[in-house]
Amino acid sequence: MKLFILYMLVMNTVTFCMMGYDKKRAKRHERRVPEKRLFGYSAIGGALGAWIGMWTWRHKTKHGSFVFGIPALLVMNIAVIYLLYRAWNLVA
């Protein structure tokens, strides 16, 4: 369980930082972080970090795919966490 919590903290921190890094690169007209990567990290546990990053840096907030997609992935992340929590409690 502790390892899973650590995993979630790392994933959300990395995804949050990627959003900030992408915003910085966008302002400088430099090569960007692919949207596929941002969504990928969000899907595997970093959706909360992506969502907070979107609003912290006001990044991707006009893209419908992010405005609706990241919260949908956050709901999915929460559902998976809930199901894993229930499964662990049944085993323990």
Protein backbone atom coordinates (compact mmCIF):
# COMPACT_ATOMS: atom_id res chain seq x y z
CA MET A 1 0.00 0.00 0.00
CA LYS A 2 2.83 2.41 0.86
CA LEU A 3 4.46 1.68 -2.49
CA PHE A 4 1.20 2.50 -4.29
CA ILE A 5 0.88 5.81 -2.44
CA LEU A 6 4.46 6.66 -3.35
CA TYR A 7 3.73 5.75 -6.99
CA MET A 8 0.69 8.07 -7.05
CA LEU A 9 2.64 10.92 -5.47
CA VAL A 10 5.47 10.54 -7.98
CA MET A 11 3.11 10.26 -10.98
CA ASN A 12 1.14 13.35 -10.00
CA THR A 13 4.27 15.37 -9.24
CA VAL A 14 5.85 14.40 -12.57
CA THR A 15 2.67 15.18 -14.51
CA PHE A 16 2.24 18.52 -12.71
CA CYS A 17 5.84 19.43 -13.58
CA MET A 18 5.38 18.32 -17.20
CA MET A 19 2.46 20.73 -17.56
CA GLY A 20 4.62 23.58 -16.27
CA TYR A 21 7.52 22.56 -18.48
CA ASP A 22 5.26 22.41 -21.53
CA LYS A 23 3.86 25.87 -20.76
CA LYS A 24 7.39 27.26 -20.44
CA ARG A 25 8.36 25.68 -23.78
CA ALA A 26 5.19 27.03 -25.40
CA LYS A 27 5.98 30.58 -24.32
CA ARG A 28 9.46 30.28 -25.84
CA HIS A 29 8.15 28.70 -29.07
CA GLU A 30 10.29 25.64 -28.44
CA ARG A 31 9.65 21.95 -28.95
CA ARG A 32 6.72 20.87 -26.79
CA VAL A 33 5.73 17.89 -24.72
CA PRO A 34 3.43 15.77 -26.92
CA GLU A 35 -0.22 15.85 -25.86
CA LYS A 36 -0.21 12.07 -26.09
CA ARG A 37 2.42 11.97 -23.34
CA LEU A 38 0.48 14.37 -21.11
CA PHE A 39 -2.66 12.24 -21.51
CA GLY A 40 -0.66 9.04 -21.04
CA TYR A 41 0.82 10.13 -17.73
CA SER A 42 -2.61 11.34 -16.65
CA ALA A 43 -4.17 7.98 -17.51
CA ILE A 44 -1.67 5.98 -15.47
CA GLY A 45 -2.23 7.91 -12.27
CA GLY A 46 -1.21 11.54 -12.85
CA ALA A 47 -4.57 13.11 -13.68
CA LEU A 48 -4.77 15.15 -10.48
CA GLY A 49 -1.31 16.57 -11.13
CA ALA A 50 -2.27 17.41 -14.71
CA TRP A 51 -5.50 19.07 -13.61
CA ILE A 52 -3.76 21.17 -10.95
CA GLY A 53 -1.00 22.01 -13.45
CA MET A 54 -3.54 23.12 -16.03
CA TRP A 55 -5.02 25.66 -13.67
CA THR A 56 -1.79 26.66 -11.93
CA TRP A 57 -0.13 27.65 -15.20
CA ARG A 58 -3.33 28.32 -17.18
CA HIS A 59 -2.13 25.79 -19.70
CA LYS A 60 -4.34 23.82 -22.11
CA THR A 61 -7.43 25.40 -20.51
CA LYS A 62 -8.93 26.31 -23.91
CA HIS A 63 -8.46 22.83 -25.36
CA GLY A 64 -11.71 20.89 -25.02
CA SER A 65 -9.84 17.60 -25.05
CA PHE A 66 -7.99 18.69 -21.90
CA VAL A 67 -10.84 20.57 -20.21
CA PHE A 68 -13.06 17.47 -20.41
CA GLY A 69 -10.47 14.71 -20.83
CA ILE A 70 -8.31 15.37 -17.78
CA PRO A 71 -11.26 15.48 -15.34
CA ALA A 72 -12.58 12.28 -16.96
CA LEU A 73 -9.20 10.64 -16.39
CA LEU A 74 -9.22 11.94 -12.82
CA VAL A 75 -12.56 10.21 -12.24
CA MET A 76 -11.09 7.06 -13.78
CA ASN A 77 -8.00 7.33 -11.52
CA ILE A 78 -10.24 7.72 -8.45
CA ALA A 79 -12.33 4.70 -9.48
CA VAL A 80 -9.22 2.55 -9.92
CA ILE A 81 -7.86 3.69 -6.54
CA TYR A 82 -11.19 2.84 -4.92
CA LEU A 83 -11.33 -0.60 -6.52
CA LEU A 84 -7.72 -1.35 -5.55
CA TYR A 85 -8.40 -0.19 -2.01
CA ARG A 86 -11.42 -2.49 -1.75
CA ALA A 87 -9.44 -5.39 -3.20
CA TRP A 88 -6.61 -4.86 -0.71
CA ASN A 89 -9.07 -4.75 2.18
CA LEU A 90 -10.66 -8.01 1.09
CA VAL A 91 -7.27 -9.71 1.00
CA ALA A 92 -5.93 -8.26 4.25
